[in-house]
Amino acid sequence: MICRFVRSMTAAVFCILFLSSSFAQSNSSRQPSNSDQTEKKPFKILTNGKKITVQSTRNIKTFLAWTSSGNRIIEQQELNTPSYSFDTPTKEKVLFLRIELDNGKIFTEKVGVQ
């Protein structure tokens, strides 16, 4: 009785494995789609010591910066300028930036400072 149960479970497992492998796609034949390609960011982040400058090809609508511990240090609304600079008022080495452009796209970046 137990032997019959083990054989039927083994057969079921092999059938499931065979069916799942037959529907899988190989990696070599996969062509990259448009969603797989990352688009170029329309801004540059320049750091010089504790001074951070964001230069964009479009106007920056809102800007937000916070530390790696989660403390918000800069929040600017309605900037409408292609460039924004600030000095970091903290001693932390890592900052996170959230940049919203005038076309509505939002970008986040991790930046290291000295």
N, C-alpha and C. Protein backbone atom coordinates (compact mmCIF):
# COMPACT_ATOMS: atom_id res chain seq x y z
N MET A 1 0.82 -1.19 0.00
CA MET A 1 0.00 0.00 0.00
C MET A 1 0.86 1.26 0.00
N ILE A 2 1.86 1.33 0.88
CA ILE A 2 2.74 2.50 0.95
C ILE A 2 3.61 2.57 -0.30
N CYS A 3 4.05 1.43 -0.80
CA CYS A 3 4.87 1.39 -2.01
C CYS A 3 4.09 1.95 -3.20
N ARG A 4 2.83 1.62 -3.31
CA ARG A 4 2.00 2.12 -4.40
C ARG A 4 1.85 3.65 -4.29
N PHE A 5 1.67 4.16 -3.06
CA PHE A 5 1.55 5.60 -2.82
C PHE A 5 2.84 6.32 -3.20
N VAL A 6 3.98 5.77 -2.84
CA VAL A 6 5.27 6.37 -3.17
C VAL A 6 5.48 6.40 -4.67
N ARG A 7 5.12 5.31 -5.37
CA ARG A 7 5.27 5.27 -6.82
C ARG A 7 4.37 6.30 -7.51
N SER A 8 3.15 6.44 -7.06
CA SER A 8 2.24 7.40 -7.69
C SER A 8 2.68 8.84 -7.41
N MET A 9 3.19 9.12 -6.22
CA MET A 9 3.69 10.47 -5.91
C MET A 9 4.94 10.77 -6.73
N THR A 10 5.82 9.80 -6.90
CA THR A 10 7.02 9.98 -7.71
C THR A 10 6.65 10.24 -9.16
N ALA A 11 5.68 9.52 -9.67
CA ALA A 11 5.22 9.73 -11.05
C ALA A 11 4.61 11.12 -11.21
N ALA A 12 3.85 11.56 -10.22
CA ALA A 12 3.24 12.89 -10.29
C ALA A 12 4.30 13.99 -10.27
N VAL A 13 5.31 13.84 -9.43
CA VAL A 13 6.40 14.83 -9.35
C VAL A 13 7.15 14.89 -10.68
N PHE A 14 7.46 13.73 -11.27
CA PHE A 14 8.16 13.72 -12.56
C PHE A 14 7.31 14.36 -13.66
N CYS A 15 6.01 14.12 -13.64
CA CYS A 15 5.13 14.75 -14.65
C CYS A 15 5.12 16.27 -14.50
N ILE A 16 5.04 16.74 -13.28
CA ILE A 16 5.04 18.19 -13.04
C ILE A 16 6.36 18.80 -13.47
N LEU A 17 7.48 18.17 -13.14
CA LEU A 17 8.79 18.68 -13.54
C LEU A 17 8.94 18.68 -15.06
N PHE A 18 8.47 17.63 -15.72
CA PHE A 18 8.57 17.55 -17.17
C PHE A 18 7.73 18.64 -17.83
N LEU A 19 6.51 18.84 -17.35
CA LEU A 19 5.65 19.86 -17.94
C LEU A 19 6.18 21.27 -17.70
N SER A 20 6.71 21.52 -16.52
CA SER A 20 7.22 22.88 -16.24
C SER A 20 8.49 23.16 -17.04
N SER A 21 9.32 22.16 -17.28
CA SER A 21 10.54 22.39 -18.07
C SER A 21 10.23 22.49 -19.55
N SER A 22 9.15 21.88 -20.00
CA SER A 22 8.83 21.96 -21.43
C SER A 22 8.26 23.32 -21.81
N PHE A 23 7.68 24.05 -20.86
CA PHE A 23 7.15 25.38 -21.14
C PHE A 23 8.16 26.49 -20.87
N ALA A 24 9.30 26.18 -20.32
CA ALA A 24 10.30 27.20 -20.01
C ALA A 24 10.97 27.68 -21.29
N GLN A 25 11.41 28.93 -21.28
CA GLN A 25 12.10 29.51 -22.43
C GLN A 25 13.59 29.48 -22.16
N SER A 26 14.35 29.27 -23.21
CA SER A 26 15.79 29.28 -23.05
C SER A 26 16.29 30.72 -23.01
N ASN A 27 17.38 30.96 -22.30
CA ASN A 27 17.93 32.31 -22.17
C ASN A 27 18.65 32.77 -23.42
N SER A 28 19.17 31.84 -24.22
CA SER A 28 19.96 32.22 -25.38
C SER A 28 19.12 32.80 -26.50
N SER A 29 17.86 32.42 -26.61
CA SER A 29 17.03 32.91 -27.71
C SER A 29 16.26 34.17 -27.34
N ARG A 30 16.41 34.64 -26.14
CA ARG A 30 15.64 35.80 -25.68
C ARG A 30 16.24 37.09 -26.22
N GLN A 31 15.42 37.88 -26.86
CA GLN A 31 15.83 39.18 -27.37
C GLN A 31 15.44 40.25 -26.35
N PRO A 32 16.30 41.24 -26.12
CA PRO A 32 15.93 42.28 -25.16
C PRO A 32 14.79 43.13 -25.70
N SER A 33 13.82 43.37 -24.87
CA SER A 33 12.68 44.18 -25.27
C SER A 33 12.91 45.62 -24.84
N ASN A 34 12.00 46.48 -25.23
CA ASN A 34 12.12 47.89 -24.87
C ASN A 34 12.01 48.11 -23.38
N SER A 35 11.26 47.28 -22.68
CA SER A 35 11.11 47.44 -21.25
C SER A 35 12.37 47.02 -20.50
N ASP A 36 13.21 46.18 -21.09
CA ASP A 36 14.44 45.76 -20.44
C ASP A 36 15.53 46.81 -20.53
N GLN A 37 15.45 47.69 -21.49
CA GLN A 37 16.48 48.69 -21.67
C GLN A 37 16.19 49.87 -20.74
N THR A 38 17.24 50.34 -20.07
CA THR A 38 17.07 51.49 -19.19
C THR A 38 17.32 52.76 -19.99
N GLU A 39 16.49 53.74 -19.75
CA GLU A 39 16.66 54.99 -20.47
C GLU A 39 17.70 55.85 -19.76
N LYS A 40 18.34 56.70 -20.51
CA LYS A 40 19.36 57.58 -19.97
C LYS A 40 18.71 58.65 -19.10
N LYS A 41 19.30 58.91 -17.95
CA LYS A 41 18.74 59.88 -17.04
C LYS A 41 19.02 61.29 -17.55
N PRO A 42 18.05 62.17 -17.45
CA PRO A 42 18.22 63.53 -17.99
C PRO A 42 18.89 64.49 -17.02
N PHE A 43 19.71 63.98 -16.11
CA PHE A 43 20.39 64.86 -15.17
C PHE A 43 21.73 64.26 -14.77
N LYS A 44 22.58 65.11 -14.19
CA LYS A 44 23.87 64.68 -13.64
C LYS A 44 23.93 65.15 -12.20
N ILE A 45 24.56 64.34 -11.37
CA ILE A 45 24.78 64.72 -9.97
C ILE A 45 26.27 64.88 -9.77
N LEU A 46 26.67 66.07 -9.37
CA LEU A 46 28.07 66.38 -9.15
C LEU A 46 28.29 66.61 -7.66
N THR A 47 29.35 65.99 -7.12
CA THR A 47 29.66 66.18 -5.71
C THR A 47 31.06 66.76 -5.58
N ASN A 48 31.22 67.67 -4.65
CA ASN A 48 32.51 68.27 -4.35
C ASN A 48 32.56 68.45 -2.84
N GLY A 49 33.13 67.45 -2.16
CA GLY A 49 33.13 67.49 -0.70
C GLY A 49 31.70 67.33 -0.19
N LYS A 50 31.22 68.34 0.53
CA LYS A 50 29.85 68.32 1.05
C LYS A 50 28.88 69.09 0.18
N LYS A 51 29.34 69.63 -0.95
CA LYS A 51 28.47 70.38 -1.85
C LYS A 51 27.98 69.44 -2.95
N ILE A 52 26.67 69.40 -3.16
CA ILE A 52 26.04 68.56 -4.17
C ILE A 52 25.31 69.46 -5.16
N THR A 53 25.54 69.21 -6.45
CA THR A 53 24.89 69.97 -7.51
C THR A 53 24.19 68.99 -8.44
N VAL A 54 22.94 69.31 -8.76
CA VAL A 54 22.16 68.52 -9.71
C VAL A 54 21.93 69.39 -10.93
N GLN A 55 22.42 68.93 -12.09
CA GLN A 55 22.22 69.65 -13.35
C GLN A 55 21.35 68.78 -14.24
N SER A 56 20.28 69.38 -14.78
CA SER A 56 19.32 68.63 -15.57
C SER A 56 19.10 69.29 -16.92
N THR A 57 18.68 68.47 -17.88
CA THR A 57 18.33 69.01 -19.19
C THR A 57 16.91 69.57 -19.17
N ARG A 58 16.11 69.22 -18.17
CA ARG A 58 14.76 69.73 -18.00
C ARG A 58 14.69 70.48 -16.67
N ASN A 59 13.65 71.22 -16.44
CA ASN A 59 13.49 71.94 -15.19
C ASN A 59 13.18 70.97 -14.06
N ILE A 60 13.78 71.20 -12.91
CA ILE A 60 13.52 70.41 -11.71
C ILE A 60 12.32 71.03 -11.00
N LYS A 61 11.29 70.23 -10.79
CA LYS A 61 10.07 70.74 -10.16
C LYS A 61 10.20 70.66 -8.64
N THR A 62 10.49 69.46 -8.11
CA THR A 62 10.66 69.30 -6.67
C THR A 62 11.96 68.55 -6.40
N PHE A 63 12.52 68.79 -5.22
CA PHE A 63 13.78 68.16 -4.83
C PHE A 63 13.68 67.79 -3.36
N LEU A 64 14.11 66.57 -3.04
CA LEU A 64 14.06 66.07 -1.68
C LEU A 64 15.34 65.30 -1.41
N ALA A 65 15.97 65.55 -0.27
CA ALA A 65 17.18 64.82 0.12
C ALA A 65 17.02 64.33 1.55
N TRP A 66 17.44 63.08 1.80
CA TRP A 66 17.41 62.56 3.14
C TRP A 66 18.61 61.68 3.37
N THR A 67 18.94 61.47 4.64
CA THR A 67 20.12 60.69 5.02
C THR A 67 19.79 59.21 5.01
N SER A 68 20.82 58.40 5.16
CA SER A 68 20.62 56.94 5.18
C SER A 68 19.87 56.50 6.43
N SER A 69 19.87 57.32 7.48
CA SER A 69 19.11 56.98 8.68
C SER A 69 17.66 57.43 8.58
N GLY A 70 17.30 58.13 7.49
CA GLY A 70 15.90 58.49 7.26
C GLY A 70 15.55 59.92 7.61
N ASN A 71 16.52 60.73 8.03
CA ASN A 71 16.24 62.12 8.37
C ASN A 71 16.20 62.99 7.12
N ARG A 72 15.12 63.72 6.94
CA ARG A 72 14.97 64.61 5.79
C ARG A 72 15.79 65.87 6.05
N ILE A 73 16.65 66.22 5.09
CA ILE A 73 17.49 67.40 5.29
C ILE A 73 17.14 68.54 4.33
N ILE A 74 16.65 68.25 3.14
CA ILE A 74 16.29 69.28 2.17
C ILE A 74 14.94 68.90 1.55
N GLU A 75 14.05 69.88 1.44
CA GLU A 75 12.82 69.70 0.68
C GLU A 75 12.49 71.01 0.00
N GLN A 76 12.51 71.01 -1.32
CA GLN A 76 12.21 72.20 -2.10
C GLN A 76 11.07 71.91 -3.06
N GLN A 77 10.07 72.75 -3.06
CA GLN A 77 8.93 72.63 -3.94
C GLN A 77 8.95 73.77 -4.96
N GLU A 78 8.40 73.54 -6.13
CA GLU A 78 8.25 74.57 -7.16
C GLU A 78 9.57 75.28 -7.49
N LEU A 79 10.61 74.50 -7.74
CA LEU A 79 11.91 75.08 -8.09
C LEU A 79 11.89 75.66 -9.51
N ASN A 80 11.47 74.86 -10.47
CA ASN A 80 11.41 75.25 -11.88
C ASN A 80 12.72 75.85 -12.38
N THR A 81 13.81 75.16 -12.10
CA THR A 81 15.14 75.56 -12.54
C THR A 81 15.89 74.32 -13.01
N PRO A 82 16.78 74.44 -13.99
CA PRO A 82 17.49 73.25 -14.47
C PRO A 82 18.68 72.83 -13.58
N SER A 83 19.01 73.62 -12.56
CA SER A 83 20.14 73.30 -11.71
C SER A 83 19.81 73.63 -10.26
N TYR A 84 20.31 72.78 -9.34
CA TYR A 84 20.10 73.02 -7.92
C TYR A 84 21.33 72.57 -7.16
N SER A 85 21.81 73.41 -6.24
CA SER A 85 22.99 73.11 -5.42
C SER A 85 22.67 73.29 -3.95
N PHE A 86 23.32 72.48 -3.12
CA PHE A 86 23.17 72.64 -1.67
C PHE A 86 24.37 72.02 -0.97
N ASP A 87 24.62 72.50 0.25
CA ASP A 87 25.65 71.94 1.12
C ASP A 87 24.98 71.02 2.12
N THR A 88 25.56 69.84 2.34
CA THR A 88 24.96 68.89 3.26
C THR A 88 25.22 69.33 4.69
N PRO A 89 24.18 69.49 5.49
CA PRO A 89 24.35 69.93 6.88
C PRO A 89 24.58 68.77 7.85
N THR A 90 24.89 67.60 7.36
CA THR A 90 25.05 66.43 8.20
C THR A 90 26.41 65.79 7.97
N LYS A 91 26.81 64.94 8.90
CA LYS A 91 28.10 64.27 8.79
C LYS A 91 27.97 62.87 8.18
N GLU A 92 26.77 62.49 7.79
CA GLU A 92 26.59 61.16 7.21
C GLU A 92 27.20 61.09 5.82
N LYS A 93 27.63 59.90 5.44
CA LYS A 93 28.35 59.70 4.18
C LYS A 93 27.45 59.35 3.01
N VAL A 94 26.21 58.97 3.27
CA VAL A 94 25.30 58.55 2.20
C VAL A 94 24.02 59.38 2.27
N LEU A 95 23.62 59.91 1.13
CA LEU A 95 22.36 60.64 1.01
C LEU A 95 21.52 60.02 -0.10
N PHE A 96 20.23 60.18 0.01
CA PHE A 96 19.30 59.76 -1.03
C PHE A 96 18.62 61.00 -1.57
N LEU A 97 18.53 61.10 -2.89
CA LEU A 97 17.92 62.25 -3.54
C LEU A 97 16.70 61.80 -4.31
N ARG A 98 15.65 62.60 -4.25
CA ARG A 98 14.43 62.38 -5.04
C ARG A 98 14.25 63.62 -5.89
N ILE A 99 14.25 63.43 -7.19
CA ILE A 99 14.17 64.54 -8.13
C ILE A 99 12.94 64.33 -9.00
N GLU A 100 12.05 65.32 -9.00
CA GLU A 100 10.89 65.29 -9.89
C GLU A 100 11.06 66.37 -10.94
N LEU A 101 10.98 65.97 -12.19
CA LEU A 101 11.16 66.92 -13.29
C LEU A 101 9.81 67.50 -13.69
N ASP A 102 9.86 68.53 -14.52
CA ASP A 102 8.64 69.22 -14.92
C ASP A 102 7.73 68.36 -15.80
N ASN A 103 8.23 67.28 -16.36
CA ASN A 103 7.38 66.39 -17.15
C ASN A 103 6.70 65.32 -16.28
N GLY A 104 6.93 65.36 -14.97
CA GLY A 104 6.27 64.44 -14.04
C GLY A 104 7.07 63.20 -13.69
N LYS A 105 8.20 62.98 -14.33
CA LYS A 105 9.02 61.80 -14.03
C LYS A 105 9.77 62.02 -12.72
N ILE A 106 9.83 60.96 -11.93
CA ILE A 106 10.48 61.00 -10.62
C ILE A 106 11.66 60.05 -10.65
N PHE A 107 12.81 60.53 -10.16
CA PHE A 107 14.02 59.73 -10.09
C PHE A 107 14.53 59.75 -8.65
N THR A 108 15.10 58.63 -8.22
CA THR A 108 15.77 58.57 -6.92
C THR A 108 17.21 58.12 -7.14
N GLU A 109 18.10 58.71 -6.40
CA GLU A 109 19.52 58.37 -6.52
C GLU A 109 20.15 58.27 -5.13
N LYS A 110 21.12 57.39 -5.03
CA LYS A 110 21.92 57.25 -3.82
C LYS A 110 23.25 57.92 -4.10
N VAL A 111 23.66 58.84 -3.21
CA VAL A 111 24.86 59.64 -3.43
C VAL A 111 25.77 59.52 -2.21
N GLY A 112 27.05 59.33 -2.45
CA GLY A 112 28.02 59.33 -1.37
C GLY A 112 28.72 60.68 -1.28
N VAL A 113 28.91 61.19 -0.07
CA VAL A 113 29.59 62.46 0.15
C VAL A 113 30.77 62.25 1.09
N GLN A 114 31.67 63.20 1.07
CA GLN A 114 32.84 63.09 1.93
C GLN A 114 32.67 63.86 3.21
